[in-house]
Amino acid sequence: MAKGTREIRRKIKSIKNTRQITKAMELVAASKMRRAVANTLALRPYARLAQALLANLSDKTSETLHPLLAKREVKKILVIAISTDRGLCGGLNTQLFRKFSEYLKSEQSRPSRGEAKLITRPQGATLGSPPEISFIAIGKKAQDFLRRTGQKVIAAYGAMSNHPTLRDSYAVSRMALQDYMNGVYDKIMLIYTNYISVVNQKPSVRRLLPLSRYALEEMVLEMRAHGASAQAERESGFASSSEAELRNREYLFEPSPDRVLEMLLPRLTEMQVYQAILEAAASEHSARMFAMRNASDNASEFIDDLTLAYNQIRQASITAELAEISAGRAALG
């Protein structure tokens, strides 16, 4: 009996120590989450205004397309995959890798084809092989997953989830821009976890290049659908302006709309990569905070169950001893 109670006390002490660790990790994740969410929401109004400016510029530029706007037949694809460095964040990475697998399966199941409907093939020609897919992995979890699945990784970076800045994302965005403009890849995609709310994060696959006003509109609509950017927009002064008002504003372009577009498009691409990194950081800290909170709650329930079992064993032991004493007294008369 003593051995059983000693074992239960040892388990209770061990679980209490674990609960202290998970509680501390929850507090740290909550602190990082507040800063990451604030940075994410602060950039969303800028993305919305940039989208409206691009739409206005597209209507005024010449018919000659910028290289970042040109659509080509897709033979090679570059995917920027953003994950975490560490685990202990619930099913965040599992859901992201499931999205990876779904995207790879969808690309490999269809032959190489043009993104634009204007691209035609000679009559009787057969479609080519599926496009070749390469990866830029951000985060150790993405690197491990891509290595296990035998994917081609051309560059790998550590996760930028603590306090990511625009400077941190330059290396990734510049590589994507140069490779696309040099014709190394025909399409560039982003795969990351989108921050929707503190309790909800959703894996997202989005086209980065070729850039289009419709892709940016989809990104902005996705942000606005989350509802979390309303406060940031009010603080930034954009909430009072509707999409139509932003698009119909008069702009004075110097030296020309084409020149402004040439300078603006790379910045928009860099902004999209940075936004994806911020969204992934906010998602990671939110998921880790809730995972550690659930772990602490489960530890408390386990401690309660063990304490109840411990008290029951002690009570049974005391009752047995009292019964032995009573039986001894009765035998002595």
C-alpha atoms as a PDB file:
ATOM      1  CA  MET A   1       0.000   0.000   0.000  1.00  0.00           C
ATOM      2  CA  ALA A   2       2.841   2.385   0.918  1.00  0.00           C
ATOM      3  CA  LYS A   3       4.503   1.671  -2.412  1.00  0.00           C
ATOM      4  CA  GLY A   4       1.294   2.614  -4.252  1.00  0.00           C
ATOM      5  CA  THR A   5       0.907   5.938  -2.426  1.00  0.00           C
ATOM      6  CA  ARG A   6       4.592   6.741  -2.916  1.00  0.00           C
ATOM      7  CA  GLU A   7       4.268   6.170  -6.654  1.00  0.00           C
ATOM      8  CA  ILE A   8       1.195   8.396  -6.874  1.00  0.00           C
ATOM      9  CA  ARG A   9       2.933  11.196  -4.932  1.00  0.00           C
ATOM     10  CA  ARG A  10       5.873  10.965  -7.333  1.00  0.00           C
ATOM     11  CA  LYS A  11       3.530  11.263 -10.326  1.00  0.00           C
ATOM     12  CA  ILE A  12       1.690  14.230  -8.813  1.00  0.00           C
ATOM     13  CA  LYS A  13       4.985  16.052  -8.194  1.00  0.00           C
ATOM     14  CA  SER A  14       6.186  15.348 -11.745  1.00  0.00           C
ATOM     15  CA  ILE A  15       2.938  16.586 -13.324  1.00  0.00           C
ATOM     16  CA  LYS A  16       2.994  19.738 -11.182  1.00  0.00           C
ATOM     17  CA  ASN A  17       6.479  20.517 -12.485  1.00  0.00           C
ATOM     18  CA  THR A  18       5.299  19.970 -16.050  1.00  0.00           C
ATOM     19  CA  ARG A  19       2.307  22.248 -15.437  1.00  0.00           C
ATOM     20  CA  GLN A  20       4.615  25.025 -14.268  1.00  0.00           C
ATOM     21  CA  ILE A  21       6.580  24.739 -17.504  1.00  0.00           C
ATOM     22  CA  THR A  22       3.504  24.755 -19.736  1.00  0.00           C
ATOM     23  CA  LYS A  23       2.043  27.698 -17.823  1.00  0.00           C
ATOM     24  CA  ALA A  24       5.250  29.685 -18.281  1.00  0.00           C
ATOM     25  CA  MET A  25       5.313  28.822 -22.001  1.00  0.00           C
ATOM     26  CA  GLU A  26       1.689  29.940 -22.302  1.00  0.00           C
ATOM     27  CA  LEU A  27       2.527  33.348 -20.781  1.00  0.00           C
ATOM     28  CA  VAL A  28       5.554  33.782 -23.054  1.00  0.00           C
ATOM     29  CA  ALA A  29       3.522  32.827 -26.138  1.00  0.00           C
ATOM     30  CA  ALA A  30       0.732  35.231 -25.132  1.00  0.00           C
ATOM     31  CA  SER A  31       3.221  38.093 -24.844  1.00  0.00           C
ATOM     32  CA  LYS A  32       4.747  37.330 -28.253  1.00  0.00           C
ATOM     33  CA  MET A  33       1.310  36.840 -29.785  1.00  0.00           C
ATOM     34  CA  ARG A  34       0.118  40.340 -28.833  1.00  0.00           C
ATOM     35  CA  ARG A  35       3.079  41.936 -30.572  1.00  0.00           C
ATOM     36  CA  ALA A  36       2.855  39.665 -33.622  1.00  0.00           C
ATOM     37  CA  VAL A  37      -0.873  40.302 -34.045  1.00  0.00           C
ATOM     38  CA  ALA A  38      -0.359  44.057 -33.704  1.00  0.00           C
ATOM     39  CA  ASN A  39       2.299  43.993 -36.456  1.00  0.00           C
ATOM     40  CA  THR A  40       0.075  41.852 -38.692  1.00  0.00           C
ATOM     41  CA  LEU A  41      -2.969  44.093 -38.343  1.00  0.00           C
ATOM     42  CA  ALA A  42      -0.883  47.236 -38.828  1.00  0.00           C
ATOM     43  CA  LEU A  43       0.229  46.082 -42.297  1.00  0.00           C
ATOM     44  CA  ARG A  44      -3.235  45.126 -43.566  1.00  0.00           C
ATOM     45  CA  PRO A  45      -4.445  48.710 -44.261  1.00  0.00           C
ATOM     46  CA  TYR A  46      -1.251  49.307 -46.250  1.00  0.00           C
ATOM     47  CA  ALA A  47      -1.972  46.189 -48.321  1.00  0.00           C
ATOM     48  CA  ARG A  48      -5.498  47.409 -48.963  1.00  0.00           C
ATOM     49  CA  LEU A  49      -4.339  50.848 -50.125  1.00  0.00           C
ATOM     50  CA  ALA A  50      -1.578  49.311 -52.254  1.00  0.00           C
ATOM     51  CA  GLN A  51      -4.161  47.136 -53.998  1.00  0.00           C
ATOM     52  CA  ALA A  52      -6.312  50.167 -54.801  1.00  0.00           C
ATOM     53  CA  LEU A  53      -3.266  52.048 -56.100  1.00  0.00           C
ATOM     54  CA  LEU A  54      -2.259  49.135 -58.318  1.00  0.00           C
ATOM     55  CA  ALA A  55      -5.782  48.957 -59.759  1.00  0.00           C
ATOM     56  CA  ASN A  56      -5.642  52.683 -60.537  1.00  0.00           C
ATOM     57  CA  LEU A  57      -2.199  52.366 -62.120  1.00  0.00           C
ATOM     58  CA  SER A  58      -3.210  49.359 -64.218  1.00  0.00           C
ATOM     59  CA  ASP A  59      -5.933  51.413 -65.883  1.00  0.00           C
ATOM     60  CA  LYS A  60      -3.464  54.149 -66.874  1.00  0.00           C
ATOM     61  CA  THR A  61      -0.393  52.219 -67.976  1.00  0.00           C
ATOM     62  CA  SER A  62       0.486  51.260 -71.506  1.00  0.00           C
ATOM     63  CA  GLU A  63      -0.346  47.910 -73.048  1.00  0.00           C
ATOM     64  CA  THR A  64       3.256  46.722 -72.633  1.00  0.00           C
ATOM     65  CA  LEU A  65       3.204  44.469 -69.603  1.00  0.00           C
ATOM     66  CA  HIS A  66       5.752  44.655 -66.824  1.00  0.00           C
ATOM     67  CA  PRO A  67       7.730  41.385 -66.423  1.00  0.00           C
ATOM     68  CA  LEU A  68       6.077  40.807 -63.042  1.00  0.00           C
ATOM     69  CA  LEU A  69       2.638  41.012 -64.679  1.00  0.00           C
ATOM     70  CA  ALA A  70       3.383  38.826 -67.692  1.00  0.00           C
ATOM     71  CA  LYS A  71       1.864  35.336 -67.685  1.00  0.00           C
ATOM     72  CA  ARG A  72       3.857  32.468 -69.151  1.00  0.00           C
ATOM     73  CA  GLU A  73       3.307  28.813 -69.766  1.00  0.00           C
ATOM     74  CA  VAL A  74       3.927  27.140 -66.421  1.00  0.00           C
ATOM     75  CA  LYS A  75       6.805  24.689 -66.628  1.00  0.00           C
ATOM     76  CA  LYS A  76       8.621  25.504 -63.382  1.00  0.00           C
ATOM     77  CA  ILE A  77       7.067  26.602 -60.097  1.00  0.00           C
ATOM     78  CA  LEU A  78       8.752  28.021 -57.012  1.00  0.00           C
ATOM     79  CA  VAL A  79       6.892  27.599 -53.715  1.00  0.00           C
ATOM     80  CA  ILE A  80       7.777  29.653 -50.631  1.00  0.00           C
ATOM     81  CA  ALA A  81       6.749  27.473 -47.672  1.00  0.00           C
ATOM     82  CA  ILE A  82       6.553  29.179 -44.275  1.00  0.00           C
ATOM     83  CA  SER A  83       6.385  27.075 -41.100  1.00  0.00           C
ATOM     84  CA  THR A  84       7.706  27.158 -37.532  1.00  0.00           C
ATOM     85  CA  ASP A  85      11.081  26.230 -36.096  1.00  0.00           C
ATOM     86  CA  ARG A  86       9.639  24.517 -33.019  1.00  0.00           C
ATOM     87  CA  GLY A  87       6.676  22.348 -32.220  1.00  0.00           C
ATOM     88  CA  LEU A  88       4.343  22.515 -29.201  1.00  0.00           C
ATOM     89  CA  CYS A  89       1.827  24.542 -31.192  1.00  0.00           C
ATOM     90  CA  GLY A  90      -1.001  22.033 -31.539  1.00  0.00           C
ATOM     91  CA  GLY A  91      -1.961  20.925 -35.032  1.00  0.00           C
ATOM     92  CA  LEU A  92      -0.652  24.076 -36.739  1.00  0.00           C
ATOM     93  CA  ASN A  93       2.141  22.401 -38.711  1.00  0.00           C
ATOM     94  CA  THR A  94       0.093  19.258 -39.346  1.00  0.00           C
ATOM     95  CA  GLN A  95      -2.634  21.286 -41.038  1.00  0.00           C
ATOM     96  CA  LEU A  96      -0.027  23.242 -43.009  1.00  0.00           C
ATOM     97  CA  PHE A  97       1.698  20.085 -44.263  1.00  0.00           C
ATOM     98  CA  ARG A  98      -1.659  18.615 -45.248  1.00  0.00           C
ATOM     99  CA  LYS A  99      -2.163  21.731 -47.363  1.00  0.00           C
ATOM    100  CA  PHE A 100       1.330  21.184 -48.832  1.00  0.00           C
ATOM    101  CA  SER A 101       0.391  17.667 -49.853  1.00  0.00           C
ATOM    102  CA  GLU A 102      -2.929  18.738 -51.370  1.00  0.00           C
ATOM    103  CA  TYR A 103      -1.237  21.461 -53.423  1.00  0.00           C
ATOM    104  CA  LEU A 104       1.521  19.137 -54.653  1.00  0.00           C
ATOM    105  CA  LYS A 105      -1.024  16.506 -55.607  1.00  0.00           C
ATOM    106  CA  SER A 106      -3.107  19.049 -57.524  1.00  0.00           C
ATOM    107  CA  GLU A 107      -0.086  20.369 -59.446  1.00  0.00           C
ATOM    108  CA  GLN A 108       1.345  16.945 -60.242  1.00  0.00           C
ATOM    109  CA  SER A 109      -2.005  15.628 -61.421  1.00  0.00           C
ATOM    110  CA  ARG A 110      -2.266  18.130 -64.254  1.00  0.00           C
ATOM    111  CA  PRO A 111       0.159  18.631 -67.138  1.00  0.00           C
ATOM    112  CA  SER A 112       2.139  21.750 -67.820  1.00  0.00           C
ATOM    113  CA  ARG A 113      -0.166  24.459 -69.091  1.00  0.00           C
ATOM    114  CA  GLY A 114      -0.383  28.187 -69.518  1.00  0.00           C
ATOM    115  CA  GLU A 115      -1.907  30.328 -66.832  1.00  0.00           C
ATOM    116  CA  ALA A 116      -3.418  32.625 -69.454  1.00  0.00           C
ATOM    117  CA  LYS A 117      -6.186  31.407 -71.717  1.00  0.00           C
ATOM    118  CA  LEU A 118      -4.518  33.203 -74.621  1.00  0.00           C
ATOM    119  CA  ILE A 119      -1.860  30.501 -74.830  1.00  0.00           C
ATOM    120  CA  THR A 120      -2.874  27.934 -77.467  1.00  0.00           C
ATOM    121  CA  ARG A 121      -1.330  24.735 -78.736  1.00  0.00           C
ATOM    122  CA  PRO A 122      -1.169  23.431 -82.288  1.00  0.00           C
ATOM    123  CA  GLN A 123      -3.961  21.079 -83.237  1.00  0.00           C
ATOM    124  CA  GLY A 124      -3.099  17.533 -82.292  1.00  0.00           C
ATOM    125  CA  ALA A 125      -0.325  18.543 -79.892  1.00  0.00           C
ATOM    126  CA  THR A 126      -0.176  16.737 -76.557  1.00  0.00           C
ATOM    127  CA  LEU A 127       0.154  18.359 -73.195  1.00  0.00           C
ATOM    128  CA  GLY A 128       3.552  18.203 -71.526  1.00  0.00           C
ATOM    129  CA  SER A 129       4.622  16.690 -68.233  1.00  0.00           C
ATOM    130  CA  PRO A 130       3.592  18.189 -64.876  1.00  0.00           C
ATOM    131  CA  PRO A 131       5.488  21.338 -63.889  1.00  0.00           C
ATOM    132  CA  GLU A 132       8.712  21.025 -61.930  1.00  0.00           C
ATOM    133  CA  ILE A 133       8.268  22.343 -58.382  1.00  0.00           C
ATOM    134  CA  SER A 134      11.056  23.773 -56.204  1.00  0.00           C
ATOM    135  CA  PHE A 135      10.825  25.109 -52.662  1.00  0.00           C
ATOM    136  CA  ILE A 136      12.174  27.876 -50.472  1.00  0.00           C
ATOM    137  CA  ALA A 137      11.693  26.584 -46.916  1.00  0.00           C
ATOM    138  CA  ILE A 138      11.284  29.049 -44.055  1.00  0.00           C
ATOM    139  CA  GLY A 139      11.290  27.221 -40.715  1.00  0.00           C
ATOM    140  CA  LYS A 140      12.865  23.941 -39.634  1.00  0.00           C
ATOM    141  CA  LYS A 141       9.557  22.080 -39.656  1.00  0.00           C
ATOM    142  CA  ALA A 142       9.063  22.862 -43.354  1.00  0.00           C
ATOM    143  CA  GLN A 143      12.658  21.861 -44.096  1.00  0.00           C
ATOM    144  CA  ASP A 144      12.202  18.506 -42.343  1.00  0.00           C
ATOM    145  CA  PHE A 145       8.883  17.823 -44.073  1.00  0.00           C
ATOM    146  CA  LEU A 146      10.217  18.643 -47.545  1.00  0.00           C
ATOM    147  CA  ARG A 147      13.324  16.543 -46.970  1.00  0.00           C
ATOM    148  CA  ARG A 148      11.216  13.563 -45.830  1.00  0.00           C
ATOM    149  CA  THR A 149       8.975  13.825 -48.879  1.00  0.00           C
ATOM    150  CA  GLY A 150      11.932  14.132 -51.269  1.00  0.00           C
ATOM    151  CA  GLN A 151      11.168  17.634 -52.549  1.00  0.00           C
ATOM    152  CA  LYS A 152      13.711  19.964 -54.162  1.00  0.00           C
ATOM    153  CA  VAL A 153      14.723  22.737 -51.738  1.00  0.00           C
ATOM    154  CA  ILE A 154      16.819  25.489 -53.297  1.00  0.00           C
ATOM    155  CA  ALA A 155      17.107  27.635 -50.146  1.00  0.00           C
ATOM    156  CA  ALA A 156      16.333  27.237 -46.445  1.00  0.00           C
ATOM    157  CA  TYR A 157      15.922  29.869 -43.737  1.00  0.00           C
ATOM    158  CA  GLY A 158      15.139  29.757 -40.060  1.00  0.00           C
ATOM    159  CA  ALA A 159      11.691  30.866 -38.925  1.00  0.00           C
ATOM    160  CA  MET A 160      11.341  34.623 -38.400  1.00  0.00           C
ATOM    161  CA  SER A 161       8.600  34.288 -35.799  1.00  0.00           C
ATOM    162  CA  ASN A 162       9.931  36.237 -32.826  1.00  0.00           C
ATOM    163  CA  HIS A 163      10.022  39.780 -34.180  1.00  0.00           C
ATOM    164  CA  PRO A 164      10.075  39.616 -38.004  1.00  0.00           C
ATOM    165  CA  THR A 165      10.908  42.808 -39.847  1.00  0.00           C
ATOM    166  CA  LEU A 166      10.746  43.761 -43.511  1.00  0.00           C
ATOM    167  CA  ARG A 167      14.536  43.512 -43.670  1.00  0.00           C
ATOM    168  CA  ASP A 168      14.317  39.846 -42.609  1.00  0.00           C
ATOM    169  CA  SER A 169      12.117  39.011 -45.604  1.00  0.00           C
ATOM    170  CA  TYR A 170      14.302  40.814 -48.188  1.00  0.00           C
ATOM    171  CA  ALA A 171      16.467  37.774 -48.958  1.00  0.00           C
ATOM    172  CA  VAL A 172      13.431  35.641 -49.815  1.00  0.00           C
ATOM    173  CA  SER A 173      11.530  38.275 -51.795  1.00  0.00           C
ATOM    174  CA  ARG A 174      14.615  39.391 -53.766  1.00  0.00           C
ATOM    175  CA  MET A 175      15.408  35.795 -54.719  1.00  0.00           C
ATOM    176  CA  ALA A 176      11.825  35.258 -55.892  1.00  0.00           C
ATOM    177  CA  LEU A 177      11.811  38.516 -57.880  1.00  0.00           C
ATOM    178  CA  GLN A 178      15.128  37.879 -59.613  1.00  0.00           C
ATOM    179  CA  ASP A 179      14.352  34.262 -60.495  1.00  0.00           C
ATOM    180  CA  TYR A 180      10.944  35.183 -61.933  1.00  0.00           C
ATOM    181  CA  MET A 181      12.229  38.144 -63.956  1.00  0.00           C
ATOM    182  CA  ASN A 182      15.124  36.032 -65.286  1.00  0.00           C
ATOM    183  CA  GLY A 183      12.691  33.343 -66.419  1.00  0.00           C
ATOM    184  CA  VAL A 184      13.965  30.659 -64.029  1.00  0.00           C
ATOM    185  CA  TYR A 185      10.397  30.071 -62.792  1.00  0.00           C
ATOM    186  CA  ASP A 186       7.072  30.700 -64.465  1.00  0.00           C
ATOM    187  CA  LYS A 187       4.966  30.939 -61.300  1.00  0.00           C
ATOM    188  CA  ILE A 188       5.733  31.597 -57.635  1.00  0.00           C
ATOM    189  CA  MET A 189       3.412  30.528 -54.834  1.00  0.00           C
ATOM    190  CA  LEU A 190       3.151  31.241 -51.105  1.00  0.00           C
ATOM    191  CA  ILE A 191       2.073  28.553 -48.622  1.00  0.00           C
ATOM    192  CA  TYR A 192       1.676  29.723 -45.030  1.00  0.00           C
ATOM    193  CA  THR A 193      -0.758  29.808 -42.110  1.00  0.00           C
ATOM    194  CA  ASN A 194      -3.193  32.707 -42.231  1.00  0.00           C
ATOM    195  CA  TYR A 195      -4.091  34.399 -38.946  1.00  0.00           C
ATOM    196  CA  ILE A 196      -7.880  34.699 -38.714  1.00  0.00           C
ATOM    197  CA  SER A 197      -8.408  35.105 -34.975  1.00  0.00           C
ATOM    198  CA  VAL A 198      -6.806  34.132 -31.684  1.00  0.00           C
ATOM    199  CA  VAL A 199      -8.535  30.762 -31.790  1.00  0.00           C
ATOM    200  CA  ASN A 200      -8.541  30.171 -35.549  1.00  0.00           C
ATOM    201  CA  GLN A 201      -5.629  29.844 -37.974  1.00  0.00           C
ATOM    202  CA  LYS A 202      -6.043  28.547 -41.517  1.00  0.00           C
ATOM    203  CA  PRO A 203      -3.411  27.233 -43.979  1.00  0.00           C
ATOM    204  CA  SER A 204      -3.408  29.282 -47.182  1.00  0.00           C
ATOM    205  CA  VAL A 205      -2.031  28.826 -50.703  1.00  0.00           C
ATOM    206  CA  ARG A 206      -1.732  32.026 -52.713  1.00  0.00           C
ATOM    207  CA  ARG A 207      -0.035  33.067 -55.949  1.00  0.00           C
ATOM    208  CA  LEU A 208       2.750  35.582 -55.492  1.00  0.00           C
ATOM    209  CA  LEU A 209       3.900  35.987 -59.115  1.00  0.00           C
ATOM    210  CA  PRO A 210       2.831  36.776 -61.768  1.00  0.00           C
ATOM    211  CA  LEU A 211       1.318  39.688 -59.917  1.00  0.00           C
ATOM    212  CA  SER A 212      -2.195  40.763 -60.809  1.00  0.00           C
ATOM    213  CA  ARG A 213      -4.749  43.174 -59.464  1.00  0.00           C
ATOM    214  CA  TYR A 214      -7.118  40.253 -58.999  1.00  0.00           C
ATOM    215  CA  ALA A 215      -4.620  38.361 -56.828  1.00  0.00           C
ATOM    216  CA  LEU A 216      -4.169  41.443 -54.652  1.00  0.00           C
ATOM    217  CA  GLU A 217      -7.917  41.977 -54.464  1.00  0.00           C
ATOM    218  CA  GLU A 218      -8.310  38.375 -53.335  1.00  0.00           C
ATOM    219  CA  MET A 219      -5.655  38.898 -50.666  1.00  0.00           C
ATOM    220  CA  VAL A 220      -7.316  42.070 -49.380  1.00  0.00           C
ATOM    221  CA  LEU A 221     -10.784  40.503 -49.402  1.00  0.00           C
ATOM    222  CA  GLU A 222      -9.343  37.575 -47.465  1.00  0.00           C
ATOM    223  CA  MET A 223      -7.937  39.979 -44.882  1.00  0.00           C
ATOM    224  CA  ARG A 224     -11.178  41.921 -44.580  1.00  0.00           C
ATOM    225  CA  ALA A 225     -13.199  38.720 -44.264  1.00  0.00           C
ATOM    226  CA  HIS A 226     -11.293  37.920 -41.095  1.00  0.00           C
ATOM    227  CA  GLY A 227     -12.810  40.968 -39.415  1.00  0.00           C
ATOM    228  CA  ALA A 228      -9.771  41.376 -37.194  1.00  0.00           C
ATOM    229  CA  SER A 229      -8.350  44.278 -39.191  1.00  0.00           C
ATOM    230  CA  ALA A 230     -11.267  46.627 -38.548  1.00  0.00           C
ATOM    231  CA  GLN A 231      -9.662  48.188 -35.493  1.00  0.00           C
ATOM    232  CA  ALA A 232      -6.317  48.586 -37.263  1.00  0.00           C
ATOM    233  CA  GLU A 233      -8.050  50.229 -40.232  1.00  0.00           C
ATOM    234  CA  ARG A 234      -9.882  52.637 -37.940  1.00  0.00           C
ATOM    235  CA  GLU A 235      -6.635  53.537 -36.210  1.00  0.00           C
ATOM    236  CA  SER A 236      -4.932  54.048 -39.568  1.00  0.00           C
ATOM    237  CA  GLY A 237      -7.748  56.164 -41.006  1.00  0.00           C
ATOM    238  CA  PHE A 238      -8.679  53.856 -43.893  1.00  0.00           C
ATOM    239  CA  ALA A 239     -11.992  52.573 -42.562  1.00  0.00           C
ATOM    240  CA  SER A 240     -13.872  55.660 -43.680  1.00  0.00           C
ATOM    241  CA  SER A 241     -12.879  55.140 -47.321  1.00  0.00           C
ATOM    242  CA  SER A 242     -14.655  52.542 -49.385  1.00  0.00           C
ATOM    243  CA  GLU A 243     -12.953  50.476 -52.079  1.00  0.00           C
ATOM    244  CA  ALA A 244     -14.624  52.563 -54.798  1.00  0.00           C
ATOM    245  CA  GLU A 245     -13.447  55.811 -53.194  1.00  0.00           C
ATOM    246  CA  LEU A 246      -9.869  54.580 -53.014  1.00  0.00           C
ATOM    247  CA  ARG A 247      -9.968  53.419 -56.631  1.00  0.00           C
ATOM    248  CA  ASN A 248     -11.547  56.618 -57.949  1.00  0.00           C
ATOM    249  CA  ARG A 249      -9.129  58.973 -56.289  1.00  0.00           C
ATOM    250  CA  GLU A 250      -7.137  61.220 -58.600  1.00  0.00           C
ATOM    251  CA  TYR A 251      -3.397  60.582 -58.695  1.00  0.00           C
ATOM    252  CA  LEU A 252      -0.627  62.679 -60.235  1.00  0.00           C
ATOM    253  CA  PHE A 253       2.106  60.398 -61.571  1.00  0.00           C
ATOM    254  CA  GLU A 254       5.662  61.630 -62.036  1.00  0.00           C
ATOM    255  CA  PRO A 255       7.433  60.925 -64.323  1.00  0.00           C
ATOM    256  CA  SER A 256       4.800  58.509 -65.763  1.00  0.00           C
ATOM    257  CA  PRO A 257       2.402  55.753 -64.667  1.00  0.00           C
ATOM    258  CA  ASP A 258       4.633  53.135 -66.338  1.00  0.00           C
ATOM    259  CA  ARG A 259       7.664  54.286 -64.365  1.00  0.00           C
ATOM    260  CA  VAL A 260       5.689  54.357 -61.119  1.00  0.00           C
ATOM    261  CA  LEU A 261       4.375  50.859 -61.819  1.00  0.00           C
ATOM    262  CA  GLU A 262       7.926  49.654 -62.462  1.00  0.00           C
ATOM    263  CA  MET A 263       8.980  50.926 -59.033  1.00  0.00           C
ATOM    264  CA  LEU A 264       5.797  49.848 -57.252  1.00  0.00           C
ATOM    265  CA  LEU A 265       5.443  46.206 -58.321  1.00  0.00           C
ATOM    266  CA  PRO A 266       8.640  44.901 -56.649  1.00  0.00           C
ATOM    267  CA  ARG A 267       7.631  46.695 -53.441  1.00  0.00           C
ATOM    268  CA  LEU A 268       4.194  45.055 -53.586  1.00  0.00           C
ATOM    269  CA  THR A 269       5.819  41.642 -53.978  1.00  0.00           C
ATOM    270  CA  GLU A 270       8.091  42.283 -50.997  1.00  0.00           C
ATOM    271  CA  MET A 271       5.069  43.435 -49.004  1.00  0.00           C
ATOM    272  CA  GLN A 272       3.173  40.207 -49.767  1.00  0.00           C
ATOM    273  CA  VAL A 273       6.078  38.030 -48.589  1.00  0.00           C
ATOM    274  CA  TYR A 274       6.434  40.113 -45.439  1.00  0.00           C
ATOM    275  CA  GLN A 275       2.684  39.943 -44.806  1.00  0.00           C
ATOM    276  CA  ALA A 276       2.761  36.127 -45.113  1.00  0.00           C
ATOM    277  CA  ILE A 277       5.628  35.935 -42.595  1.00  0.00           C
ATOM    278  CA  LEU A 278       3.728  38.168 -40.161  1.00  0.00           C
ATOM    279  CA  GLU A 279       0.568  36.084 -40.559  1.00  0.00           C
ATOM    280  CA  ALA A 280       2.541  32.885 -39.911  1.00  0.00           C
ATOM    281  CA  ALA A 281       4.183  34.403 -36.817  1.00  0.00           C
ATOM    282  CA  ALA A 282       0.866  35.524 -35.336  1.00  0.00           C
ATOM    283  CA  SER A 283      -0.633  32.094 -36.066  1.00  0.00           C
ATOM    284  CA  GLU A 284       2.268  30.269 -34.439  1.00  0.00           C
ATOM    285  CA  HIS A 285       2.164  32.220 -31.182  1.00  0.00           C
ATOM    286  CA  SER A 286      -1.639  31.991 -30.974  1.00  0.00           C
ATOM    287  CA  ALA A 287      -1.600  28.238 -31.570  1.00  0.00           C
ATOM    288  CA  ARG A 288       1.217  27.714 -29.037  1.00  0.00           C
ATOM    289  CA  MET A 289      -0.574  29.791 -26.396  1.00  0.00           C
ATOM    290  CA  PHE A 290      -3.721  27.677 -26.685  1.00  0.00           C
ATOM    291  CA  ALA A 291      -1.777  24.411 -26.870  1.00  0.00           C
ATOM    292  CA  MET A 292       0.069  25.258 -23.655  1.00  0.00           C
ATOM    293  CA  ARG A 293      -3.168  26.377 -21.994  1.00  0.00           C
ATOM    294  CA  ASN A 294      -4.801  23.070 -22.887  1.00  0.00           C
ATOM    295  CA  ALA A 295      -1.734  21.212 -21.612  1.00  0.00           C
ATOM    296  CA  SER A 296      -1.921  23.095 -18.295  1.00  0.00           C
ATOM    297  CA  ASP A 297      -5.645  22.369 -17.956  1.00  0.00           C
ATOM    298  CA  ASN A 298      -5.098  18.680 -18.729  1.00  0.00           C
ATOM    299  CA  ALA A 299      -2.295  18.548 -16.150  1.00  0.00           C
ATOM    300  CA  SER A 300      -4.598  20.059 -13.526  1.00  0.00           C
ATOM    301  CA  GLU A 301      -7.285  17.471 -14.291  1.00  0.00           C
ATOM    302  CA  PHE A 302      -4.714  14.683 -14.114  1.00  0.00           C
ATOM    303  CA  ILE A 303      -3.472  15.969 -10.751  1.00  0.00           C
ATOM    304  CA  ASP A 304      -7.056  16.044  -9.434  1.00  0.00           C
ATOM    305  CA  ASP A 305      -7.618  12.448 -10.560  1.00  0.00           C
ATOM    306  CA  LEU A 306      -4.352  11.268  -8.987  1.00  0.00           C
ATOM    307  CA  THR A 307      -5.095  13.157  -5.767  1.00  0.00           C
ATOM    308  CA  LEU A 308      -8.505  11.478  -5.568  1.00  0.00           C
ATOM    309  CA  ALA A 309      -6.928   8.066  -6.138  1.00  0.00           C
ATOM    310  CA  TYR A 310      -4.259   8.832  -3.534  1.00  0.00           C
ATOM    311  CA  ASN A 311      -6.887   9.844  -0.940  1.00  0.00           C
ATOM    312  CA  GLN A 312      -8.947   6.748  -1.686  1.00  0.00           C
ATOM    313  CA  ILE A 313      -5.930   4.482  -1.144  1.00  0.00           C
ATOM    314  CA  ARG A 314      -5.044   6.289   2.090  1.00  0.00           C
ATOM    315  CA  GLN A 315      -8.645   6.062   3.306  1.00  0.00           C
ATOM    316  CA  ALA A 316      -8.752   2.364   2.509  1.00  0.00           C
ATOM    317  CA  SER A 317      -5.472   1.847   4.361  1.00  0.00           C
ATOM    318  CA  ILE A 318      -6.714   3.739   7.440  1.00  0.00           C
ATOM    319  CA  THR A 319     -10.011   1.851   7.412  1.00  0.00           C
ATOM    320  CA  ALA A 320      -8.155  -1.481   7.218  1.00  0.00           C
ATOM    321  CA  GLU A 321      -5.911  -0.544  10.150  1.00  0.00           C
ATOM    322  CA  LEU A 322      -8.913   0.522  12.250  1.00  0.00           C
ATOM    323  CA  ALA A 323     -10.647  -2.751  11.425  1.00  0.00           C
ATOM    324  CA  GLU A 324      -7.547  -4.705  12.524  1.00  0.00           C
ATOM    325  CA  ILE A 325      -7.383  -2.756  15.796  1.00  0.00           C
ATOM    326  CA  SER A 326     -11.090  -3.321  16.489  1.00  0.00           C
ATOM    327  CA  ALA A 327     -10.741  -7.022  15.691  1.00  0.00           C
ATOM    328  CA  GLY A 328      -7.745  -7.278  18.031  1.00  0.00           C
ATOM    329  CA  ARG A 329      -9.591  -5.622  20.902  1.00  0.00           C
ATOM    330  CA  ALA A 330     -12.596  -7.856  20.360  1.00  0.00           C
ATOM    331  CA  ALA A 331     -10.315 -10.938  20.442  1.00  0.00           C
ATOM    332  CA  LEU A 332      -8.745  -9.835  23.717  1.00  0.00           C
ATOM    333  CA  GLY A 333     -12.262  -9.561  25.179  1.00  0.00           C
END
